[in-house]
Amino acid sequence: MLSERLLKVALKQSAIIVAVLLAVPTLGVLATLLLSTISTLFCEQLQGLMTLSVVTTAVVLTVQEFRHFSKP
């Protein structure tokens, strides 16, 4: 009777250890994929923001030049 209980406890502990050992690499992979996705999205948004700032600067400079040469 006592050996059966010990066997059940040992099996439960072994199952817990196996589950933890399998979960750790899975969580690591998921964290890596999440960070990669976030960094990719951030880079794309930063690139869009840089393009927008270049276009805005070009428009402002063009308008200033046009106003400068349009003065009588």
PDB file of N, CA and C in Angstrom:
ATOM      1  N   MET A   1       0.824  -1.191   0.000  1.00  0.00           N
ATOM      2  CA  MET A   1       0.000   0.000   0.000  1.00  0.00           C
ATOM      3  C   MET A   1       0.867   1.253   0.000  1.00  0.00           C
ATOM      4  N   LEU A   2       1.886   1.256   0.863  1.00  0.00           N
ATOM      5  CA  LEU A   2       2.772   2.409   0.953  1.00  0.00           C
ATOM      6  C   LEU A   2       3.601   2.560  -0.323  1.00  0.00           C
ATOM      7  N   SER A   3       4.015   1.431  -0.879  1.00  0.00           N
ATOM      8  CA  SER A   3       4.819   1.497  -2.104  1.00  0.00           C
ATOM      9  C   SER A   3       3.985   2.007  -3.285  1.00  0.00           C
ATOM     10  N   GLU A   4       2.687   1.707  -3.292  1.00  0.00           N
ATOM     11  CA  GLU A   4       1.813   2.220  -4.353  1.00  0.00           C
ATOM     12  C   GLU A   4       1.693   3.736  -4.262  1.00  0.00           C
ATOM     13  N   ARG A   5       1.550   4.259  -3.047  1.00  0.00           N
ATOM     14  CA  ARG A   5       1.474   5.714  -2.863  1.00  0.00           C
ATOM     15  C   ARG A   5       2.775   6.382  -3.297  1.00  0.00           C
ATOM     16  N   LEU A   6       3.891   5.776  -2.882  1.00  0.00           N
ATOM     17  CA  LEU A   6       5.182   6.339  -3.277  1.00  0.00           C
ATOM     18  C   LEU A   6       5.355   6.318  -4.797  1.00  0.00           C
ATOM     19  N   LEU A   7       4.887   5.251  -5.418  1.00  0.00           N
ATOM     20  CA  LEU A   7       4.974   5.152  -6.868  1.00  0.00           C
ATOM     21  C   LEU A   7       4.116   6.216  -7.545  1.00  0.00           C
ATOM     22  N   LYS A   8       2.905   6.449  -7.028  1.00  0.00           N
ATOM     23  CA  LYS A   8       2.026   7.484  -7.589  1.00  0.00           C
ATOM     24  C   LYS A   8       2.645   8.872  -7.435  1.00  0.00           C
ATOM     25  N   VAL A   9       3.216   9.142  -6.259  1.00  0.00           N
ATOM     26  CA  VAL A   9       3.850  10.442  -6.027  1.00  0.00           C
ATOM     27  C   VAL A   9       5.042  10.621  -6.960  1.00  0.00           C
ATOM     28  N   ALA A  10       5.829   9.559  -7.114  1.00  0.00           N
ATOM     29  CA  ALA A  10       6.993   9.635  -7.999  1.00  0.00           C
ATOM     30  C   ALA A  10       6.571   9.865  -9.448  1.00  0.00           C
ATOM     31  N   LEU A  11       5.498   9.203  -9.873  1.00  0.00           N
ATOM     32  CA  LEU A  11       5.006   9.395 -11.240  1.00  0.00           C
ATOM     33  C   LEU A  11       4.490  10.815 -11.450  1.00  0.00           C
ATOM     34  N   LYS A  12       3.777  11.351 -10.450  1.00  0.00           N
ATOM     35  CA  LYS A  12       3.281  12.727 -10.556  1.00  0.00           C
ATOM     36  C   LYS A  12       4.442  13.714 -10.630  1.00  0.00           C
ATOM     37  N   GLN A  13       5.442  13.505  -9.786  1.00  0.00           N
ATOM     38  CA  GLN A  13       6.595  14.406  -9.806  1.00  0.00           C
ATOM     39  C   GLN A  13       7.352  14.299 -11.128  1.00  0.00           C
ATOM     40  N   SER A  14       7.468  13.087 -11.641  1.00  0.00           N
ATOM     41  CA  SER A  14       8.138  12.908 -12.934  1.00  0.00           C
ATOM     42  C   SER A  14       7.359  13.595 -14.049  1.00  0.00           C
ATOM     43  N   ALA A  15       6.037  13.490 -14.001  1.00  0.00           N
ATOM     44  CA  ALA A  15       5.209  14.150 -15.010  1.00  0.00           C
ATOM     45  C   ALA A  15       5.357  15.666 -14.931  1.00  0.00           C
ATOM     46  N   ILE A  16       5.415  16.197 -13.722  1.00  0.00           N
ATOM     47  CA  ILE A  16       5.593  17.640 -13.544  1.00  0.00           C
ATOM     48  C   ILE A  16       6.949  18.078 -14.086  1.00  0.00           C
ATOM     49  N   ILE A  17       7.982  17.314 -13.782  1.00  0.00           N
ATOM     50  CA  ILE A  17       9.331  17.655 -14.259  1.00  0.00           C
ATOM     51  C   ILE A  17       9.385  17.621 -15.785  1.00  0.00           C
ATOM     52  N   VAL A  18       8.794  16.606 -16.386  1.00  0.00           N
ATOM     53  CA  VAL A  18       8.782  16.501 -17.850  1.00  0.00           C
ATOM     54  C   VAL A  18       8.004  17.662 -18.459  1.00  0.00           C
ATOM     55  N   ALA A  19       6.867  18.006 -17.865  1.00  0.00           N
ATOM     56  CA  ALA A  19       6.067  19.119 -18.382  1.00  0.00           C
ATOM     57  C   ALA A  19       6.835  20.434 -18.310  1.00  0.00           C
ATOM     58  N   VAL A  20       7.533  20.657 -17.208  1.00  0.00           N
ATOM     59  CA  VAL A  20       8.321  21.890 -17.064  1.00  0.00           C
ATOM     60  C   VAL A  20       9.466  21.909 -18.067  1.00  0.00           C
ATOM     61  N   LEU A  21      10.147  20.780 -18.225  1.00  0.00           N
ATOM     62  CA  LEU A  21      11.262  20.724 -19.172  1.00  0.00           C
ATOM     63  C   LEU A  21      10.799  20.936 -20.614  1.00  0.00           C
ATOM     64  N   LEU A  22       9.598  20.507 -20.941  1.00  0.00           N
ATOM     65  CA  LEU A  22       9.067  20.739 -22.283  1.00  0.00           C
ATOM     66  C   LEU A  22       8.536  22.160 -22.449  1.00  0.00           C
ATOM     67  N   ALA A  23       8.058  22.756 -21.369  1.00  0.00           N
ATOM     68  CA  ALA A  23       7.469  24.094 -21.453  1.00  0.00           C
ATOM     69  C   ALA A  23       8.524  25.184 -21.578  1.00  0.00           C
ATOM     70  N   VAL A  24       9.677  25.003 -20.965  1.00  0.00           N
ATOM     71  CA  VAL A  24      10.703  26.059 -20.966  1.00  0.00           C
ATOM     72  C   VAL A  24      11.186  26.377 -22.387  1.00  0.00           C
ATOM     73  N   PRO A  25      11.580  25.408 -23.209  1.00  0.00           N
ATOM     74  CA  PRO A  25      11.989  25.762 -24.579  1.00  0.00           C
ATOM     75  C   PRO A  25      10.845  26.356 -25.402  1.00  0.00           C
ATOM     76  N   THR A  26       9.639  25.856 -25.185  1.00  0.00           N
ATOM     77  CA  THR A  26       8.488  26.388 -25.915  1.00  0.00           C
ATOM     78  C   THR A  26       8.272  27.851 -25.580  1.00  0.00           C
ATOM     79  N   LEU A  27       8.348  28.190 -24.305  1.00  0.00           N
ATOM     80  CA  LEU A  27       8.191  29.589 -23.904  1.00  0.00           C
ATOM     81  C   LEU A  27       9.329  30.445 -24.445  1.00  0.00           C
ATOM     82  N   GLY A  28      10.526  29.894 -24.489  1.00  0.00           N
ATOM     83  CA  GLY A  28      11.658  30.628 -25.055  1.00  0.00           C
ATOM     84  C   GLY A  28      11.460  30.934 -26.530  1.00  0.00           C
ATOM     85  N   VAL A  29      10.974  29.954 -27.266  1.00  0.00           N
ATOM     86  CA  VAL A  29      10.711  30.158 -28.697  1.00  0.00           C
ATOM     87  C   VAL A  29       9.612  31.191 -28.890  1.00  0.00           C
ATOM     88  N   LEU A  30       8.549  31.092 -28.110  1.00  0.00           N
ATOM     89  CA  LEU A  30       7.462  32.065 -28.227  1.00  0.00           C
ATOM     90  C   LEU A  30       7.930  33.472 -27.893  1.00  0.00           C
ATOM     91  N   ALA A  31       8.753  33.613 -26.872  1.00  0.00           N
ATOM     92  CA  ALA A  31       9.273  34.936 -26.507  1.00  0.00           C
ATOM     93  C   ALA A  31      10.155  35.489 -27.621  1.00  0.00           C
ATOM     94  N   THR A  32      10.975  34.642 -28.227  1.00  0.00           N
ATOM     95  CA  THR A  32      11.834  35.089 -29.326  1.00  0.00           C
ATOM     96  C   THR A  32      11.007  35.535 -30.523  1.00  0.00           C
ATOM     97  N   LEU A  33       9.980  34.768 -30.863  1.00  0.00           N
ATOM     98  CA  LEU A  33       9.116  35.148 -31.979  1.00  0.00           C
ATOM     99  C   LEU A  33       8.380  36.451 -31.701  1.00  0.00           C
ATOM    100  N   LEU A  34       7.923  36.629 -30.473  1.00  0.00           N
ATOM    101  CA  LEU A  34       7.218  37.853 -30.108  1.00  0.00           C
ATOM    102  C   LEU A  34       8.142  39.061 -30.206  1.00  0.00           C
ATOM    103  N   LEU A  35       9.356  38.943 -29.681  1.00  0.00           N
ATOM    104  CA  LEU A  35      10.310  40.056 -29.761  1.00  0.00           C
ATOM    105  C   LEU A  35      10.689  40.360 -31.204  1.00  0.00           C
ATOM    106  N   SER A  36      10.836  39.337 -32.011  1.00  0.00           N
ATOM    107  CA  SER A  36      11.164  39.535 -33.421  1.00  0.00           C
ATOM    108  C   SER A  36      10.042  40.269 -34.144  1.00  0.00           C
ATOM    109  N   THR A  37       8.806  39.881 -33.869  1.00  0.00           N
ATOM    110  CA  THR A  37       7.659  40.538 -34.493  1.00  0.00           C
ATOM    111  C   THR A  37       7.562  41.992 -34.067  1.00  0.00           C
ATOM    112  N   ILE A  38       7.748  42.250 -32.784  1.00  0.00           N
ATOM    113  CA  ILE A  38       7.675  43.623 -32.279  1.00  0.00           C
ATOM    114  C   ILE A  38       8.773  44.477 -32.902  1.00  0.00           C
ATOM    115  N   SER A  39       9.982  43.948 -32.987  1.00  0.00           N
ATOM    116  CA  SER A  39      11.080  44.736 -33.565  1.00  0.00           C
ATOM    117  C   SER A  39      10.850  44.998 -35.049  1.00  0.00           C
ATOM    118  N   THR A  40      10.292  44.032 -35.767  1.00  0.00           N
ATOM    119  CA  THR A  40       9.996  44.232 -37.186  1.00  0.00           C
ATOM    120  C   THR A  40       8.952  45.319 -37.373  1.00  0.00           C
ATOM    121  N   LEU A  41       7.888  45.273 -36.578  1.00  0.00           N
ATOM    122  CA  LEU A  41       6.854  46.304 -36.675  1.00  0.00           C
ATOM    123  C   LEU A  41       7.408  47.673 -36.325  1.00  0.00           C
ATOM    124  N   PHE A  42       8.260  47.737 -35.305  1.00  0.00           N
ATOM    125  CA  PHE A  42       8.849  49.010 -34.905  1.00  0.00           C
ATOM    126  C   PHE A  42       9.719  49.579 -36.019  1.00  0.00           C
ATOM    127  N   CYS A  43      10.517  48.722 -36.664  1.00  0.00           N
ATOM    128  CA  CYS A  43      11.377  49.186 -37.756  1.00  0.00           C
ATOM    129  C   CYS A  43      10.551  49.691 -38.934  1.00  0.00           C
ATOM    130  N   GLU A  44       9.459  49.000 -39.250  1.00  0.00           N
ATOM    131  CA  GLU A  44       8.604  49.438 -40.352  1.00  0.00           C
ATOM    132  C   GLU A  44       7.968  50.786 -40.044  1.00  0.00           C
ATOM    133  N   GLN A  45       7.499  50.970 -38.814  1.00  0.00           N
ATOM    134  CA  GLN A  45       6.891  52.244 -38.456  1.00  0.00           C
ATOM    135  C   GLN A  45       7.928  53.355 -38.438  1.00  0.00           C
ATOM    136  N   LEU A  46       9.131  53.045 -37.984  1.00  0.00           N
ATOM    137  CA  LEU A  46      10.195  54.049 -37.960  1.00  0.00           C
ATOM    138  C   LEU A  46      10.575  54.451 -39.379  1.00  0.00           C
ATOM    139  N   GLN A  47      10.608  53.495 -40.289  1.00  0.00           N
ATOM    140  CA  GLN A  47      10.924  53.796 -41.679  1.00  0.00           C
ATOM    141  C   GLN A  47       9.837  54.684 -42.286  1.00  0.00           C
ATOM    142  N   GLY A  48       8.578  54.397 -41.986  1.00  0.00           N
ATOM    143  CA  GLY A  48       7.485  55.234 -42.470  1.00  0.00           C
ATOM    144  C   GLY A  48       7.555  56.644 -41.912  1.00  0.00           C
ATOM    145  N   LEU A  49       7.917  56.754 -40.651  1.00  0.00           N
ATOM    146  CA  LEU A  49       8.042  58.068 -40.019  1.00  0.00           C
ATOM    147  C   LEU A  49       9.187  58.862 -40.637  1.00  0.00           C
ATOM    148  N   MET A  50      10.296  58.196 -40.938  1.00  0.00           N
ATOM    149  CA  MET A  50      11.422  58.883 -41.574  1.00  0.00           C
ATOM    150  C   MET A  50      11.036  59.368 -42.970  1.00  0.00           C
ATOM    151  N   THR A  51      10.321  58.555 -43.726  1.00  0.00           N
ATOM    152  CA  THR A  51       9.869  58.957 -45.056  1.00  0.00           C
ATOM    153  C   THR A  51       8.941  60.157 -44.963  1.00  0.00           C
ATOM    154  N   LEU A  52       8.029  60.126 -44.005  1.00  0.00           N
ATOM    155  CA  LEU A  52       7.104  61.237 -43.813  1.00  0.00           C
ATOM    156  C   LEU A  52       7.846  62.516 -43.453  1.00  0.00           C
ATOM    157  N   SER A  53       8.859  62.421 -42.608  1.00  0.00           N
ATOM    158  CA  SER A  53       9.611  63.623 -42.225  1.00  0.00           C
ATOM    159  C   SER A  53      10.398  64.176 -43.405  1.00  0.00           C
ATOM    160  N   VAL A  54      10.947  63.316 -44.262  1.00  0.00           N
ATOM    161  CA  VAL A  54      11.673  63.786 -45.446  1.00  0.00           C
ATOM    162  C   VAL A  54      10.724  64.487 -46.405  1.00  0.00           C
ATOM    163  N   VAL A  55       9.558  63.908 -46.636  1.00  0.00           N
ATOM    164  CA  VAL A  55       8.576  64.521 -47.537  1.00  0.00           C
ATOM    165  C   VAL A  55       8.103  65.852 -46.974  1.00  0.00           C
ATOM    166  N   THR A  56       7.824  65.907 -45.678  1.00  0.00           N
ATOM    167  CA  THR A  56       7.373  67.149 -45.049  1.00  0.00           C
ATOM    168  C   THR A  56       8.442  68.228 -45.150  1.00  0.00           C
ATOM    169  N   THR A  57       9.680  67.868 -44.898  1.00  0.00           N
ATOM    170  CA  THR A  57      10.780  68.834 -45.000  1.00  0.00           C
ATOM    171  C   THR A  57      10.926  69.343 -46.428  1.00  0.00           C
ATOM    172  N   ALA A  58      10.821  68.460 -47.401  1.00  0.00           N
ATOM    173  CA  ALA A  58      10.929  68.867 -48.801  1.00  0.00           C
ATOM    174  C   ALA A  58       9.803  69.822 -49.179  1.00  0.00           C
ATOM    175  N   VAL A  59       8.591  69.548 -48.724  1.00  0.00           N
ATOM    176  CA  VAL A  59       7.457  70.424 -49.026  1.00  0.00           C
ATOM    177  C   VAL A  59       7.655  71.785 -48.385  1.00  0.00           C
ATOM    178  N   VAL A  60       8.079  71.815 -47.132  1.00  0.00           N
ATOM    179  CA  VAL A  60       8.286  73.090 -46.434  1.00  0.00           C
ATOM    180  C   VAL A  60       9.363  73.907 -47.132  1.00  0.00           C
ATOM    181  N   LEU A  61      10.463  73.278 -47.500  1.00  0.00           N
ATOM    182  CA  LEU A  61      11.534  74.002 -48.188  1.00  0.00           C
ATOM    183  C   LEU A  61      11.090  74.501 -49.559  1.00  0.00           C
ATOM    184  N   THR A  62      10.312  73.705 -50.269  1.00  0.00           N
ATOM    185  CA  THR A  62       9.805  74.124 -51.573  1.00  0.00           C
ATOM    186  C   THR A  62       8.891  75.327 -51.435  1.00  0.00           C
ATOM    187  N   VAL A  63       8.007  75.311 -50.464  1.00  0.00           N
ATOM    188  CA  VAL A  63       7.096  76.441 -50.240  1.00  0.00           C
ATOM    189  C   VAL A  63       7.884  77.686 -49.861  1.00  0.00           C
ATOM    190  N   GLN A  64       8.902  77.545 -49.030  1.00  0.00           N
ATOM    191  CA  GLN A  64       9.719  78.698 -48.640  1.00  0.00           C
ATOM    192  C   GLN A  64      10.454  79.278 -49.845  1.00  0.00           C
ATOM    193  N   GLU A  65      11.006  78.418 -50.680  1.00  0.00           N
ATOM    194  CA  GLU A  65      11.693  78.899 -51.881  1.00  0.00           C
ATOM    195  C   GLU A  65      10.710  79.598 -52.817  1.00  0.00           C
ATOM    196  N   PHE A  66       9.534  79.023 -52.981  1.00  0.00           N
ATOM    197  CA  PHE A  66       8.522  79.624 -53.853  1.00  0.00           C
ATOM    198  C   PHE A  66       8.123  81.000 -53.333  1.00  0.00           C
ATOM    199  N   ARG A  67       7.918  81.127 -52.028  1.00  0.00           N
ATOM    200  CA  ARG A  67       7.558  82.422 -51.444  1.00  0.00           C
ATOM    201  C   ARG A  67       8.705  83.419 -51.575  1.00  0.00           C
ATOM    202  N   HIS A  68       9.927  82.936 -51.426  1.00  0.00           N
ATOM    203  CA  HIS A  68      11.087  83.833 -51.509  1.00  0.00           C
ATOM    204  C   HIS A  68      11.228  84.412 -52.921  1.00  0.00           C
ATOM    205  N   PHE A  69      11.060  83.575 -53.945  1.00  0.00           N
ATOM    206  CA  PHE A  69      11.215  84.048 -55.314  1.00  0.00           C
ATOM    207  C   PHE A  69       9.966  84.741 -55.833  1.00  0.00           C
ATOM    208  N   SER A  70       8.828  84.594 -55.174  1.00  0.00           N
ATOM    209  CA  SER A  70       7.589  85.230 -55.622  1.00  0.00           C
ATOM    210  C   SER A  70       7.464  86.661 -55.126  1.00  0.00           C
ATOM    211  N   LYS A  71       8.284  87.072 -54.173  1.00  0.00           N
ATOM    212  CA  LYS A  71       8.193  88.433 -53.642  1.00  0.00           C
ATOM    213  C   LYS A  71       8.666  89.422 -54.709  1.00  0.00           C
ATOM    214  N   PRO A  72       7.925  90.537 -54.840  1.00  0.00           N
ATOM    215  CA  PRO A  72       8.327  91.537 -55.849  1.00  0.00           C
ATOM    216  C   PRO A  72       9.546  92.330 -55.428  1.00  0.00           C
TER     217      PRO A  72
END
